Amino acid sequence: MDEPQPAGEAILDALYGHILHGEAEAAVERLRAGLAAGLAPATLLFEAMIPALEEVGSRFESGEYFLPEMLIAARAMRSSMEIVRPLMADGGGAAAGTVVLGTVAGDIHDIGKDMVGIMLEGAGFRVVDLGVNVLPARFVEAVREHDPVVVGLSAFLTTTMPQVGRTIDALVEAGVRQRIRVIVGGAPVNETFADEVGADGYAPDASAAVRVTRELAARARAA
């Protein structure tokens, strides 16, 4: 007969599974149970929630998960983060750095950007989401205000792709480009375009965005 799991491990395993399978209500319930049992918010985040989201990303990249599974897992993570985020802030939880995200001027699409933001938060980054239809000057202002390690620019329409280059040019002209790494993404964007506009990285989906952002943040810290 198998030995029963300690209560804390059972809660972590259950929370992991609920996020992995996109069971938002059950994830929140298990998260609250963990906090009531004395588990630290950081333990719940780094030993259950983040590993679950990383597994979602791995399954997406391998073709086992598709966009619907990613979306419901992201929703479960978002619901759980709403509880954990203020507790981590109060407790001075470790952060991987700040990331500023936004959809460029003229574009109001936000689903992909929002998913990237949720997954980056889950990976330990502080995310400043500027929303949609963000002018280049607003990105410049956000860099000065929040001192991010990475700025993420999203464009969903071919007609708004030029705004990605204009935003990067504005960061250069303002003298803040050298302080940050820039990642770009969105349906019509590809690696060739990222190179052409002078971005530091390109991500085709939310899972890749986390991986590339981690790489860029590590490079920025080592510089």
Protein backbone atom coordinates (compact mmCIF):
# COMPACT_ATOMS: atom_id res chain seq x y z
CA MET A 1 0.00 0.00 0.00
CA ASP A 2 1.28 3.48 -0.92
CA GLU A 3 2.00 5.88 1.90
CA PRO A 4 -0.50 8.77 2.00
CA GLN A 5 0.87 12.12 0.82
CA PRO A 6 1.48 14.84 3.41
CA ALA A 7 -1.34 17.39 3.26
CA GLY A 8 0.88 20.13 1.81
CA GLU A 9 2.12 17.95 -1.03
CA ALA A 10 -1.40 16.80 -1.82
CA ILE A 11 -2.57 20.41 -2.05
CA LEU A 12 0.34 21.35 -4.32
CA ASP A 13 -0.30 18.36 -6.58
CA ALA A 14 -4.01 19.16 -6.78
CA LEU A 15 -3.39 22.85 -7.53
CA TYR A 16 -0.91 21.86 -10.24
CA GLY A 17 -3.48 19.56 -11.83
CA HIS A 18 -6.32 22.06 -11.71
CA ILE A 19 -4.27 24.74 -13.50
CA LEU A 20 -2.88 22.23 -16.00
CA HIS A 21 -6.43 21.22 -16.94
CA GLY A 22 -7.89 24.72 -16.80
CA GLU A 23 -10.17 24.15 -13.82
CA ALA A 24 -10.32 27.72 -12.54
CA GLU A 25 -12.81 27.35 -9.71
CA ALA A 26 -11.16 24.21 -8.38
CA ALA A 27 -7.71 25.86 -8.62
CA VAL A 28 -8.87 28.84 -6.55
CA GLU A 29 -10.49 26.54 -4.00
CA ARG A 30 -7.30 24.47 -3.65
CA LEU A 31 -5.18 27.62 -3.48
CA ARG A 32 -7.27 28.97 -0.63
CA ALA A 33 -7.01 25.59 1.11
CA GLY A 34 -3.23 25.77 0.80
CA LEU A 35 -3.08 29.23 2.31
CA ALA A 36 -5.39 28.14 5.14
CA ALA A 37 -3.12 25.17 5.79
CA GLY A 38 -0.14 27.51 6.21
CA LEU A 39 1.56 27.09 2.83
CA ALA A 40 3.44 30.22 1.79
CA PRO A 41 2.17 32.07 -1.30
CA ALA A 42 5.62 31.67 -2.86
CA THR A 43 5.48 27.90 -2.30
CA LEU A 44 2.11 27.66 -4.01
CA LEU A 45 3.30 29.86 -6.88
CA PHE A 46 6.71 28.35 -7.54
CA GLU A 47 6.01 24.71 -6.68
CA ALA A 48 2.58 24.28 -8.26
CA MET A 49 1.27 27.19 -10.32
CA ILE A 50 4.34 28.04 -12.39
CA PRO A 51 5.29 24.38 -13.04
CA ALA A 52 1.73 23.75 -14.24
CA LEU A 53 1.86 26.66 -16.68
CA GLU A 54 5.29 25.55 -17.89
CA GLU A 55 3.83 22.11 -18.58
CA VAL A 56 0.97 23.74 -20.48
CA GLY A 57 3.57 25.53 -22.61
CA SER A 58 5.50 22.31 -23.22
CA ARG A 59 2.33 20.50 -24.26
CA PHE A 60 1.41 23.34 -26.60
CA GLU A 61 4.83 23.28 -28.24
CA SER A 62 4.71 19.50 -28.66
CA GLY A 63 1.23 19.62 -30.23
CA GLU A 64 -0.52 17.88 -27.35
CA TYR A 65 -2.33 21.07 -26.33
CA PHE A 66 -3.96 23.58 -28.66
CA LEU A 67 -5.14 27.17 -28.25
CA PRO A 68 -8.38 26.30 -26.38
CA GLU A 69 -6.45 24.30 -23.75
CA MET A 70 -3.96 27.15 -23.37
CA LEU A 71 -6.77 29.67 -22.95
CA ILE A 72 -8.56 27.77 -20.20
CA ALA A 73 -5.28 27.06 -18.41
CA ALA A 74 -4.43 30.78 -18.64
CA ARG A 75 -7.84 31.61 -17.17
CA ALA A 76 -7.22 29.27 -14.23
CA MET A 77 -3.82 30.87 -13.74
CA ARG A 78 -5.30 34.38 -13.91
CA SER A 79 -7.92 33.53 -11.26
CA SER A 80 -5.23 32.10 -8.98
CA MET A 81 -2.85 35.01 -9.56
CA GLU A 82 -5.54 37.46 -8.42
CA ILE A 83 -5.27 35.86 -4.99
CA VAL A 84 -1.51 35.30 -4.87
CA ARG A 85 -0.34 38.59 -6.40
CA PRO A 86 -1.19 40.91 -3.47
CA LEU A 87 0.16 38.37 -0.99
CA MET A 88 3.44 38.16 -2.87
CA ALA A 89 3.64 41.94 -2.99
CA ASP A 90 3.08 42.16 0.76
CA GLY A 91 5.69 39.53 1.39
CA GLY A 92 8.28 40.93 -0.96
CA GLY A 93 8.16 37.90 -3.26
CA ALA A 94 11.06 37.49 -5.65
CA ALA A 95 10.52 38.79 -9.17
CA ALA A 96 12.37 38.00 -12.36
CA GLY A 97 12.15 41.64 -13.42
CA THR A 98 9.60 44.00 -14.97
CA VAL A 99 8.14 43.55 -18.44
CA VAL A 100 6.13 46.27 -20.20
CA LEU A 101 3.58 44.92 -22.70
CA GLY A 102 1.31 46.63 -25.17
CA THR A 103 -0.46 46.31 -28.51
CA VAL A 104 0.87 48.97 -30.87
CA ALA A 105 -0.98 52.06 -32.07
CA GLY A 106 -3.95 51.41 -34.35
CA ASP A 107 -4.42 47.83 -33.15
CA ILE A 108 -7.04 46.82 -30.56
CA HIS A 109 -6.40 43.05 -30.39
CA ASP A 110 -5.46 41.85 -26.93
CA ILE A 111 -6.10 38.10 -26.48
CA GLY A 112 -2.57 37.04 -27.37
CA LYS A 113 -1.02 39.88 -25.39
CA ASP A 114 -3.17 39.10 -22.36
CA MET A 115 -2.14 35.44 -22.44
CA VAL A 116 1.52 36.43 -22.63
CA GLY A 117 1.04 38.71 -19.63
CA ILE A 118 -0.60 35.97 -17.55
CA MET A 119 2.14 33.48 -18.37
CA LEU A 120 4.90 36.01 -17.66
CA GLU A 121 3.35 36.81 -14.27
CA GLY A 122 3.20 33.11 -13.60
CA ALA A 123 6.89 32.87 -14.48
CA GLY A 124 7.73 35.44 -11.81
CA PHE A 125 7.86 38.66 -13.81
CA ARG A 126 6.13 41.88 -12.81
CA VAL A 127 3.99 42.80 -15.80
CA VAL A 128 2.93 46.34 -16.71
CA ASP A 129 0.22 45.98 -19.36
CA LEU A 130 -0.35 49.22 -21.27
CA GLY A 131 -3.34 47.77 -23.10
CA VAL A 132 -4.14 48.27 -26.78
CA ASN A 133 -3.66 51.06 -29.32
CA VAL A 134 -0.56 52.22 -27.47
CA LEU A 135 1.29 55.17 -28.99
CA PRO A 136 5.10 55.04 -29.23
CA ALA A 137 5.38 57.93 -26.76
CA ARG A 138 3.46 55.90 -24.17
CA PHE A 139 5.96 53.05 -24.44
CA VAL A 140 8.78 55.56 -23.93
CA GLU A 141 7.01 56.97 -20.90
CA ALA A 142 6.48 53.47 -19.45
CA VAL A 143 10.16 52.59 -19.85
CA ARG A 144 11.14 55.72 -17.95
CA GLU A 145 8.53 55.10 -15.28
CA HIS A 146 8.91 51.37 -14.68
CA ASP A 147 12.52 50.62 -15.73
CA PRO A 148 11.67 47.25 -17.33
CA VAL A 149 14.18 44.66 -18.48
CA VAL A 150 12.03 43.74 -21.48
CA VAL A 151 9.39 45.53 -23.57
CA GLY A 152 6.92 43.40 -25.53
CA LEU A 153 5.25 44.83 -28.65
CA SER A 154 2.23 43.08 -30.16
CA ALA A 155 0.75 43.64 -33.63
CA PHE A 156 -2.13 41.52 -34.91
CA LEU A 157 -2.81 43.34 -38.20
CA THR A 158 -0.49 43.70 -41.17
CA THR A 159 -1.56 47.35 -41.35
CA THR A 160 -0.22 48.01 -37.84
CA MET A 161 3.09 46.19 -38.27
CA PRO A 162 4.88 49.46 -39.23
CA GLN A 163 3.99 50.80 -35.78
CA VAL A 164 6.32 48.20 -34.25
CA GLY A 165 9.27 49.75 -36.06
CA ARG A 166 8.08 53.26 -35.22
CA THR A 167 7.84 52.35 -31.55
CA ILE A 168 11.38 50.95 -31.51
CA ASP A 169 12.59 54.08 -33.33
CA ALA A 170 10.89 56.22 -30.67
CA LEU A 171 12.68 54.27 -27.93
CA VAL A 172 15.99 54.93 -29.71
CA GLU A 173 15.25 58.63 -30.20
CA ALA A 174 14.31 58.99 -26.53
CA GLY A 175 17.65 57.49 -25.48
CA VAL A 176 16.11 54.54 -23.60
CA ARG A 177 16.53 51.74 -26.13
CA GLN A 178 19.91 50.66 -24.78
CA ARG A 179 18.38 50.06 -21.31
CA ILE A 180 15.95 47.38 -22.46
CA ARG A 181 15.44 44.31 -24.61
CA VAL A 182 12.52 44.31 -27.07
CA ILE A 183 10.45 41.28 -28.01
CA VAL A 184 7.81 41.32 -30.74
CA GLY A 185 4.93 39.05 -31.64
CA GLY A 186 1.49 38.78 -33.21
CA ALA A 187 -0.20 36.88 -36.01
CA PRO A 188 1.52 38.54 -39.02
CA VAL A 189 4.91 38.97 -37.32
CA ASN A 190 7.85 36.65 -37.96
CA GLU A 191 11.52 36.44 -37.14
CA THR A 192 12.60 38.18 -40.34
CA PHE A 193 10.38 41.14 -39.50
CA ALA A 194 11.75 41.21 -35.94
CA ASP A 195 15.28 41.46 -37.33
CA GLU A 196 14.27 44.16 -39.80
CA VAL A 197 12.81 46.46 -37.12
CA GLY A 198 15.71 45.93 -34.73
CA ALA A 199 13.98 43.82 -32.08
CA ASP A 200 16.01 41.58 -29.79
CA GLY A 201 13.61 38.64 -29.94
CA TYR A 202 10.50 37.19 -31.55
CA ALA A 203 7.88 34.85 -30.13
CA PRO A 204 5.22 33.09 -32.21
CA ASP A 205 3.06 32.25 -29.19
CA ALA A 206 2.68 32.83 -25.45
CA SER A 207 4.76 29.83 -24.44
CA ALA A 208 7.68 30.94 -26.61
CA ALA A 209 7.26 34.49 -25.29
CA VAL A 210 8.02 33.31 -21.75
CA ARG A 211 11.10 31.39 -22.88
CA VAL A 212 12.44 34.26 -25.03
CA THR A 213 11.72 36.85 -22.33
CA ARG A 214 13.63 34.80 -19.78
CA GLU A 215 16.58 34.58 -22.18
CA LEU A 216 16.50 38.31 -22.91
CA ALA A 217 16.17 39.20 -19.21
CA ALA A 218 19.15 36.99 -18.36
CA ARG A 219 21.16 38.63 -21.13
CA ALA A 220 20.20 42.09 -19.86
CA ARG A 221 21.28 41.26 -16.32
CA ALA A 222 24.59 39.88 -17.56
CA ALA A 223 25.34 42.98 -19.66
